[in-house]
Amino acid sequence: MECHGTYAKVEEDENNEPVYDKTQIIFGIDCERCHGPAADHVAFHKEHPEEKNPKNIIIIKQLTRQQRLDGCALCHSGFRQAIQQRFSFTIGDSLDAYSMAGYSSDSISTLDVHGNQYGLLMSSKCFKMSNQLDCSSLH
């Protein structure tokens, strides 16, 4: 569900299983998925319409290459085993602190264009020869 929604309030039941509050889910992927919660951003810019620099929001181009890659890899790196609760990863965090890859990153035979675009990108000659290429370079 994490890859098909922007936000969901998640709690744990008595068996430590995730329980989603159905009244607090943002279905689909919207701006907040990559740029974070926008309420403060919108409020600031309503009060300061002359300000052209974005405030109170994650600015993707200011992130490191790995942070940008991890943001995409959350949903585009194949099956991963959760280490932390779903919907707790925030763009800018290290994905490996939230989940572990469920495949061997050394084996290109496990890569799949439908589930591990991140792995395919990382194994490409272009990516290996560049220190700037990331997912946005291709989109």
N, C-alpha and C. Protein backbone atom coordinates (compact mmCIF):
# COMPACT_ATOMS: atom_id res chain seq x y z
N MET A 1 0.82 -1.19 0.00
CA MET A 1 0.00 0.00 0.00
C MET A 1 0.86 1.26 0.00
N GLU A 2 2.05 1.17 0.58
CA GLU A 2 2.91 2.34 0.69
C GLU A 2 3.29 2.93 -0.67
N CYS A 3 3.39 2.08 -1.67
CA CYS A 3 3.77 2.55 -3.00
C CYS A 3 2.59 3.09 -3.79
N HIS A 4 1.40 2.96 -3.27
CA HIS A 4 0.21 3.42 -3.98
C HIS A 4 -0.54 4.49 -3.21
N GLY A 5 0.06 4.98 -2.15
CA GLY A 5 -0.55 6.03 -1.35
C GLY A 5 0.49 7.02 -0.88
N THR A 6 0.05 8.22 -0.63
CA THR A 6 0.95 9.27 -0.16
C THR A 6 1.14 9.22 1.34
N TYR A 7 0.07 8.89 2.06
CA TYR A 7 0.14 8.90 3.52
C TYR A 7 -0.92 7.97 4.07
N ALA A 8 -0.63 7.34 5.17
CA ALA A 8 -1.62 6.60 5.94
C ALA A 8 -1.18 6.62 7.40
N LYS A 9 -2.12 6.91 8.27
CA LYS A 9 -1.83 6.82 9.70
C LYS A 9 -1.79 5.33 10.05
N VAL A 10 -0.67 4.90 10.58
CA VAL A 10 -0.46 3.49 10.88
C VAL A 10 -0.20 3.32 12.37
N GLU A 11 -0.89 2.40 12.96
CA GLU A 11 -0.66 2.03 14.35
C GLU A 11 -0.47 0.52 14.39
N GLU A 12 -0.11 -0.01 15.55
CA GLU A 12 0.06 -1.45 15.68
C GLU A 12 -1.01 -2.01 16.58
N ASP A 13 -1.50 -3.21 16.24
CA ASP A 13 -2.49 -3.87 17.09
C ASP A 13 -1.77 -4.64 18.20
N GLU A 14 -2.52 -5.43 18.96
CA GLU A 14 -1.95 -6.16 20.10
C GLU A 14 -0.92 -7.20 19.68
N ASN A 15 -0.92 -7.58 18.37
CA ASN A 15 0.06 -8.54 17.85
C ASN A 15 1.21 -7.86 17.12
N ASN A 16 1.34 -6.56 17.29
CA ASN A 16 2.35 -5.74 16.63
C ASN A 16 2.20 -5.74 15.11
N GLU A 17 1.00 -5.96 14.64
CA GLU A 17 0.70 -5.91 13.21
C GLU A 17 0.21 -4.51 12.86
N PRO A 18 0.56 -4.01 11.68
CA PRO A 18 0.11 -2.67 11.31
C PRO A 18 -1.40 -2.61 11.09
N VAL A 19 -1.99 -1.54 11.58
CA VAL A 19 -3.41 -1.27 11.39
C VAL A 19 -3.51 0.13 10.80
N TYR A 20 -4.19 0.23 9.67
CA TYR A 20 -4.33 1.51 8.98
C TYR A 20 -5.64 2.16 9.35
N ASP A 21 -5.57 3.44 9.72
CA ASP A 21 -6.77 4.21 10.01
C ASP A 21 -7.38 4.63 8.68
N LYS A 22 -8.49 4.00 8.30
CA LYS A 22 -9.09 4.21 6.99
C LYS A 22 -9.58 5.65 6.78
N THR A 23 -9.72 6.40 7.86
CA THR A 23 -10.17 7.79 7.72
C THR A 23 -9.00 8.75 7.51
N GLN A 24 -7.77 8.22 7.64
CA GLN A 24 -6.59 9.07 7.51
C GLN A 24 -5.60 8.47 6.50
N ILE A 25 -6.08 8.33 5.28
CA ILE A 25 -5.26 7.82 4.19
C ILE A 25 -5.37 8.79 3.02
N ILE A 26 -4.24 9.10 2.41
CA ILE A 26 -4.23 9.86 1.16
C ILE A 26 -3.89 8.84 0.07
N PHE A 27 -4.92 8.46 -0.70
CA PHE A 27 -4.74 7.48 -1.76
C PHE A 27 -4.05 8.11 -2.96
N GLY A 28 -3.28 7.32 -3.67
CA GLY A 28 -2.58 7.80 -4.85
C GLY A 28 -1.32 8.56 -4.46
N ILE A 29 -0.54 8.90 -5.46
CA ILE A 29 0.71 9.61 -5.24
C ILE A 29 0.50 11.07 -5.63
N ASP A 30 0.74 11.96 -4.68
CA ASP A 30 0.61 13.38 -4.98
C ASP A 30 1.90 14.10 -4.61
N CYS A 31 1.90 15.38 -4.68
CA CYS A 31 3.11 16.19 -4.43
C CYS A 31 3.74 15.89 -3.07
N GLU A 32 2.90 15.68 -2.06
CA GLU A 32 3.40 15.48 -0.71
C GLU A 32 4.21 14.19 -0.56
N ARG A 33 4.04 13.25 -1.44
CA ARG A 33 4.79 11.99 -1.35
C ARG A 33 6.29 12.25 -1.43
N CYS A 34 6.67 13.17 -2.30
CA CYS A 34 8.09 13.48 -2.46
C CYS A 34 8.51 14.77 -1.75
N HIS A 35 7.59 15.68 -1.59
CA HIS A 35 7.93 17.00 -1.03
C HIS A 35 7.53 17.17 0.42
N GLY A 36 6.90 16.16 1.01
CA GLY A 36 6.51 16.21 2.41
C GLY A 36 5.20 16.95 2.61
N PRO A 37 4.73 16.99 3.87
CA PRO A 37 3.47 17.67 4.18
C PRO A 37 3.52 19.13 3.73
N ALA A 38 2.41 19.58 3.16
CA ALA A 38 2.42 20.90 2.52
C ALA A 38 1.62 21.96 3.25
N ALA A 39 0.97 21.64 4.35
CA ALA A 39 0.11 22.63 5.02
C ALA A 39 0.88 23.89 5.39
N ASP A 40 2.06 23.74 6.00
CA ASP A 40 2.86 24.91 6.38
C ASP A 40 3.37 25.66 5.15
N HIS A 41 3.70 24.91 4.11
CA HIS A 41 4.15 25.51 2.85
C HIS A 41 3.05 26.39 2.25
N VAL A 42 1.85 25.84 2.16
CA VAL A 42 0.72 26.58 1.59
C VAL A 42 0.38 27.79 2.45
N ALA A 43 0.33 27.61 3.76
CA ALA A 43 0.01 28.73 4.66
C ALA A 43 1.02 29.86 4.52
N PHE A 44 2.31 29.52 4.48
CA PHE A 44 3.34 30.55 4.36
C PHE A 44 3.16 31.33 3.05
N HIS A 45 2.98 30.62 1.95
CA HIS A 45 2.91 31.30 0.66
C HIS A 45 1.59 32.05 0.46
N LYS A 46 0.55 31.68 1.17
CA LYS A 46 -0.69 32.48 1.14
C LYS A 46 -0.47 33.80 1.85
N GLU A 47 0.30 33.76 2.95
CA GLU A 47 0.60 34.99 3.71
C GLU A 47 1.69 35.82 3.06
N HIS A 48 2.53 35.21 2.23
CA HIS A 48 3.65 35.89 1.58
C HIS A 48 3.65 35.59 0.08
N PRO A 49 2.64 36.06 -0.64
CA PRO A 49 2.54 35.71 -2.07
C PRO A 49 3.70 36.24 -2.91
N GLU A 50 4.41 37.23 -2.39
CA GLU A 50 5.54 37.79 -3.14
C GLU A 50 6.78 36.90 -3.06
N GLU A 51 6.83 35.98 -2.08
CA GLU A 51 7.98 35.08 -1.91
C GLU A 51 7.95 34.01 -2.99
N LYS A 52 8.99 33.97 -3.79
CA LYS A 52 9.06 33.02 -4.91
C LYS A 52 9.87 31.77 -4.59
N ASN A 53 10.64 31.80 -3.51
CA ASN A 53 11.42 30.63 -3.11
C ASN A 53 10.56 29.74 -2.23
N PRO A 54 10.53 28.45 -2.52
CA PRO A 54 9.68 27.54 -1.74
C PRO A 54 10.14 27.46 -0.28
N LYS A 55 9.19 27.51 0.62
CA LYS A 55 9.46 27.40 2.06
C LYS A 55 8.68 26.23 2.63
N ASN A 56 9.23 25.64 3.70
CA ASN A 56 8.55 24.59 4.46
C ASN A 56 8.17 23.38 3.62
N ILE A 57 9.07 22.98 2.76
CA ILE A 57 8.81 21.83 1.89
C ILE A 57 10.16 21.22 1.49
N ILE A 58 10.17 19.94 1.19
CA ILE A 58 11.40 19.28 0.75
C ILE A 58 11.68 19.69 -0.69
N ILE A 59 12.88 20.20 -0.92
CA ILE A 59 13.29 20.62 -2.26
C ILE A 59 14.22 19.53 -2.80
N ILE A 60 13.72 18.79 -3.76
CA ILE A 60 14.41 17.60 -4.25
C ILE A 60 15.82 17.92 -4.75
N LYS A 61 16.00 19.01 -5.47
CA LYS A 61 17.33 19.30 -6.03
C LYS A 61 18.36 19.62 -4.95
N GLN A 62 17.93 19.88 -3.73
CA GLN A 62 18.87 20.14 -2.64
C GLN A 62 19.31 18.86 -1.93
N LEU A 63 18.71 17.74 -2.28
CA LEU A 63 19.08 16.46 -1.67
C LEU A 63 20.32 15.90 -2.36
N THR A 64 21.00 15.01 -1.66
CA THR A 64 22.14 14.33 -2.29
C THR A 64 21.60 13.37 -3.34
N ARG A 65 22.47 12.92 -4.19
CA ARG A 65 22.09 11.94 -5.21
C ARG A 65 21.48 10.70 -4.56
N GLN A 66 22.12 10.18 -3.51
CA GLN A 66 21.62 8.97 -2.87
C GLN A 66 20.26 9.21 -2.23
N GLN A 67 20.05 10.36 -1.63
CA GLN A 67 18.74 10.67 -1.06
C GLN A 67 17.66 10.69 -2.14
N ARG A 68 17.98 11.26 -3.30
CA ARG A 68 17.02 11.27 -4.41
C ARG A 68 16.74 9.85 -4.89
N LEU A 69 17.80 9.06 -5.02
CA LEU A 69 17.64 7.67 -5.46
C LEU A 69 16.82 6.86 -4.45
N ASP A 70 17.09 7.05 -3.18
CA ASP A 70 16.35 6.32 -2.15
C ASP A 70 14.87 6.68 -2.18
N GLY A 71 14.56 7.93 -2.48
CA GLY A 71 13.16 8.34 -2.57
C GLY A 71 12.42 7.59 -3.66
N CYS A 72 13.07 7.38 -4.78
CA CYS A 72 12.46 6.62 -5.88
C CYS A 72 12.48 5.12 -5.58
N ALA A 73 13.58 4.67 -4.97
CA ALA A 73 13.76 3.24 -4.69
C ALA A 73 12.74 2.72 -3.69
N LEU A 74 12.18 3.59 -2.89
CA LEU A 74 11.15 3.15 -1.94
C LEU A 74 10.11 2.29 -2.64
N CYS A 75 9.71 2.71 -3.83
CA CYS A 75 8.67 1.98 -4.57
C CYS A 75 9.17 1.31 -5.84
N HIS A 76 10.39 1.62 -6.24
CA HIS A 76 10.88 1.13 -7.52
C HIS A 76 12.15 0.29 -7.38
N SER A 77 12.25 -0.47 -6.28
CA SER A 77 13.45 -1.30 -6.10
C SER A 77 13.10 -2.75 -5.78
N GLY A 78 11.95 -3.18 -6.19
CA GLY A 78 11.58 -4.57 -5.96
C GLY A 78 11.12 -4.80 -4.53
N PHE A 79 11.00 -6.06 -4.19
CA PHE A 79 10.50 -6.40 -2.87
C PHE A 79 11.55 -6.09 -1.80
N ARG A 80 11.10 -5.44 -0.74
CA ARG A 80 11.97 -5.09 0.37
C ARG A 80 11.27 -5.52 1.65
N GLN A 81 12.06 -5.93 2.61
CA GLN A 81 11.52 -6.33 3.91
C GLN A 81 11.55 -5.13 4.85
N ALA A 82 10.40 -4.80 5.41
CA ALA A 82 10.30 -3.63 6.29
C ALA A 82 11.11 -3.83 7.57
N ILE A 83 11.84 -2.79 7.96
CA ILE A 83 12.54 -2.75 9.24
C ILE A 83 11.76 -1.85 10.18
N GLN A 84 11.22 -0.79 9.62
CA GLN A 84 10.42 0.15 10.38
C GLN A 84 9.00 0.17 9.79
N GLN A 85 8.11 0.77 10.52
CA GLN A 85 6.70 0.82 10.13
C GLN A 85 6.50 1.48 8.77
N ARG A 86 5.57 0.95 7.99
CA ARG A 86 5.22 1.52 6.69
C ARG A 86 4.83 2.99 6.85
N PHE A 87 5.09 3.77 5.84
CA PHE A 87 4.79 5.20 5.79
C PHE A 87 5.63 6.01 6.77
N SER A 88 6.71 5.44 7.31
CA SER A 88 7.58 6.21 8.21
C SER A 88 8.78 6.80 7.46
N PHE A 89 9.09 6.26 6.28
CA PHE A 89 10.18 6.79 5.47
C PHE A 89 9.79 8.17 4.95
N THR A 90 10.72 9.11 5.04
CA THR A 90 10.53 10.45 4.50
C THR A 90 11.63 10.71 3.48
N ILE A 91 11.26 11.34 2.39
CA ILE A 91 12.26 11.68 1.38
C ILE A 91 13.40 12.44 2.06
N GLY A 92 14.61 12.01 1.80
CA GLY A 92 15.80 12.57 2.45
C GLY A 92 16.41 11.60 3.44
N ASP A 93 15.60 10.61 3.88
CA ASP A 93 16.11 9.57 4.78
C ASP A 93 16.88 8.53 3.98
N SER A 94 17.62 7.68 4.67
CA SER A 94 18.30 6.55 4.04
C SER A 94 17.34 5.36 4.01
N LEU A 95 17.04 4.87 2.83
CA LEU A 95 16.08 3.78 2.68
C LEU A 95 16.50 2.53 3.44
N ASP A 96 17.79 2.27 3.52
CA ASP A 96 18.27 1.07 4.21
C ASP A 96 17.96 1.08 5.70
N ALA A 97 17.63 2.22 6.26
CA ALA A 97 17.25 2.29 7.66
C ALA A 97 15.78 1.89 7.85
N TYR A 98 15.04 1.77 6.76
CA TYR A 98 13.60 1.49 6.82
C TYR A 98 13.23 0.12 6.25
N SER A 99 14.06 -0.37 5.32
CA SER A 99 13.77 -1.67 4.72
C SER A 99 15.04 -2.27 4.14
N MET A 100 15.01 -3.60 3.98
CA MET A 100 16.15 -4.32 3.40
C MET A 100 15.74 -4.90 2.05
N ALA A 101 16.66 -4.87 1.12
CA ALA A 101 16.38 -5.44 -0.20
C ALA A 101 16.12 -6.93 -0.07
N GLY A 102 15.11 -7.41 -0.79
CA GLY A 102 14.77 -8.83 -0.77
C GLY A 102 15.36 -9.55 -1.96
N TYR A 103 16.46 -9.06 -2.47
CA TYR A 103 17.11 -9.63 -3.63
C TYR A 103 18.60 -9.37 -3.51
N SER A 104 19.38 -10.06 -4.30
CA SER A 104 20.82 -9.86 -4.29
C SER A 104 21.16 -8.70 -5.21
N SER A 105 21.72 -7.65 -4.68
CA SER A 105 22.08 -6.51 -5.52
C SER A 105 23.25 -6.83 -6.44
N ASP A 106 23.92 -7.96 -6.21
CA ASP A 106 25.04 -8.37 -7.05
C ASP A 106 24.59 -9.13 -8.30
N SER A 107 23.35 -9.59 -8.33
CA SER A 107 22.89 -10.43 -9.41
C SER A 107 21.89 -9.70 -10.30
N ILE A 108 22.27 -9.43 -11.53
CA ILE A 108 21.35 -8.76 -12.44
C ILE A 108 20.25 -9.71 -12.90
N SER A 109 20.39 -11.00 -12.66
CA SER A 109 19.36 -11.95 -13.06
C SER A 109 18.08 -11.76 -12.26
N THR A 110 18.16 -11.12 -11.09
CA THR A 110 16.97 -10.91 -10.27
C THR A 110 16.31 -9.57 -10.55
N LEU A 111 16.89 -8.79 -11.45
CA LEU A 111 16.33 -7.47 -11.74
C LEU A 111 15.15 -7.59 -12.69
N ASP A 112 14.16 -6.73 -12.47
CA ASP A 112 12.92 -6.79 -13.25
C ASP A 112 12.45 -5.37 -13.52
N VAL A 113 12.19 -5.07 -14.77
CA VAL A 113 11.76 -3.73 -15.15
C VAL A 113 10.43 -3.36 -14.49
N HIS A 114 9.64 -4.33 -14.09
CA HIS A 114 8.35 -4.04 -13.47
C HIS A 114 8.45 -3.87 -11.96
N GLY A 115 9.56 -4.21 -11.37
CA GLY A 115 9.64 -4.11 -9.92
C GLY A 115 10.95 -3.61 -9.38
N ASN A 116 11.95 -3.52 -10.21
CA ASN A 116 13.24 -3.07 -9.69
C ASN A 116 13.94 -2.17 -10.70
N GLN A 117 13.30 -1.10 -11.04
CA GLN A 117 13.91 -0.14 -11.96
C GLN A 117 15.17 0.46 -11.33
N TYR A 118 15.17 0.61 -10.01
CA TYR A 118 16.33 1.13 -9.30
C TYR A 118 17.55 0.23 -9.53
N GLY A 119 17.36 -1.08 -9.39
CA GLY A 119 18.45 -2.03 -9.60
C GLY A 119 18.94 -2.01 -11.02
N LEU A 120 18.02 -1.89 -11.97
CA LEU A 120 18.41 -1.82 -13.38
C LEU A 120 19.22 -0.56 -13.65
N LEU A 121 18.79 0.55 -13.10
CA LEU A 121 19.52 1.81 -13.27
C LEU A 121 20.93 1.69 -12.69
N MET A 122 21.02 1.18 -11.46
CA MET A 122 22.32 1.07 -10.78
C MET A 122 23.28 0.13 -11.51
N SER A 123 22.74 -0.85 -12.23
CA SER A 123 23.61 -1.79 -12.93
C SER A 123 23.96 -1.32 -14.34
N SER A 124 23.39 -0.21 -14.76
CA SER A 124 23.66 0.26 -16.13
C SER A 124 25.04 0.91 -16.24
N LYS A 125 25.60 0.81 -17.40
CA LYS A 125 26.92 1.40 -17.67
C LYS A 125 26.87 2.92 -17.51
N CYS A 126 25.79 3.53 -17.98
CA CYS A 126 25.66 4.99 -17.87
C CYS A 126 25.70 5.45 -16.42
N PHE A 127 24.97 4.72 -15.55
CA PHE A 127 24.93 5.09 -14.15
C PHE A 127 26.30 4.94 -13.51
N LYS A 128 26.96 3.85 -13.81
CA LYS A 128 28.27 3.58 -13.22
C LYS A 128 29.33 4.58 -13.67
N MET A 129 29.13 5.17 -14.84
CA MET A 129 30.12 6.12 -15.36
C MET A 129 29.80 7.56 -14.97
N SER A 130 28.69 7.77 -14.31
CA SER A 130 28.26 9.13 -13.95
C SER A 130 28.18 9.27 -12.45
N ASN A 131 28.47 10.45 -11.96
CA ASN A 131 28.27 10.71 -10.54
C ASN A 131 27.06 11.61 -10.31
N GLN A 132 26.31 11.87 -11.39
CA GLN A 132 25.14 12.74 -11.27
C GLN A 132 23.85 12.08 -11.74
N LEU A 133 23.92 11.07 -12.59
CA LEU A 133 22.73 10.44 -13.15
C LEU A 133 21.84 9.90 -12.02
N ASP A 134 20.57 10.21 -12.08
CA ASP A 134 19.59 9.66 -11.14
C ASP A 134 18.28 9.43 -11.86
N CYS A 135 17.27 9.06 -11.16
CA CYS A 135 15.98 8.73 -11.79
C CYS A 135 15.40 9.92 -12.54
N SER A 136 15.54 11.11 -12.01
CA SER A 136 15.00 12.30 -12.67
C SER A 136 15.72 12.60 -13.99
N SER A 137 16.93 12.15 -14.12
CA SER A 137 17.67 12.35 -15.37
C SER A 137 16.95 11.65 -16.52
N LEU A 138 16.29 10.55 -16.20
CA LEU A 138 15.62 9.75 -17.22
C LEU A 138 14.16 10.12 -17.37
N HIS A 139 13.62 10.80 -16.41
CA HIS A 139 12.22 11.20 -16.49
C HIS A 139 12.15 12.66 -16.82
